[in-house]
Amino acid sequence: MMRVLVVDDEPLARNGVIAQLSAFDDVEVVGQCGDGQSAIAGIRQLRPDVVVLDVQMPDLDGLDVLRCLPLEERPLAILLTAHETFAVSAFELDAIDYLLKPLDDERFSEAIARARRRLGKSSLPTEHTLWQPMREPERFEVRVGRRAVFVPVEDVEYLQADGDYVALHVDGKRHLIRESLQRLQERLNAGHFLRIHRSVIVRLDRVAEMRSLSNRDALVRLHDGTLLRASRTYVDTLRARLRLSRA
């Protein structure tokens, strides 16, 4: 089980997060806290695997909570906020995700999946299996006629859902594999790949430009000129990750 501590100074917000966590069979909420000081004490006492942590709290905010804890005491952190301005600081503190309120169910599920991966708990256990980390693929096998073609993961520029398949886009070519985008997201290196839309994962070092749109979505241009749309629930994470990778 993944042990989770929920921290938010608003009781309704805490209850909402706990309700969302109840949808995951492999998650146990071990406690909840309403301020930064009790969060530090709760983390030290309960030793959760993951803390779902509100950034903006009086006296001691969520980022300060993480800063007050030595690295060896910090659980994985999923940070929540109503504002965009803390994203870079969040990832500098090695938060595994940064989510805007109100929480989007799909984004929250992705954050939990990322936590599973970091903990080596990539899938739900059954009575006959133990937790086993998924191996990140080094290459994809795709069919081209009667031939099997092997595509190195580092050559993939972006991945796009296509019905029951995922299209790998490589050097202007498109290869279909029978796999779900969510399953691939759990296996790909999160340091190199990032989901930017419910149907698109992009390799970060292929991104050349990002342009904000009026509805808070963004237009992403890759080095080869390909244009992709990033939905607003992913934009802040994408912007923060790009800033850090270029620092």
Foldseek 3Di string as FASTA:
>chain_A
DAEEEEEALDPVLSVVVVVLQVVDPPYDHPYYYNALVVVLVCLVVVVGQEYEAEQDDPPAGPLNSLVVDPPVSDHAYEYEYQDLPCQLSCVVSVHQYYFYPPGDSVVVVLSVCSSCQVVQQNDDDDPPDDRGHDAADQWDWFDDPPDTDTGGPVQFFKWFDDPQWIWTQGPNDTTTDRDDPSSNVSRHDPLQWDDQDNGMIGGLVQWDDWAADPVQKIWTAGPVGDIDIGGNRCVSNSVSSNVVVVD
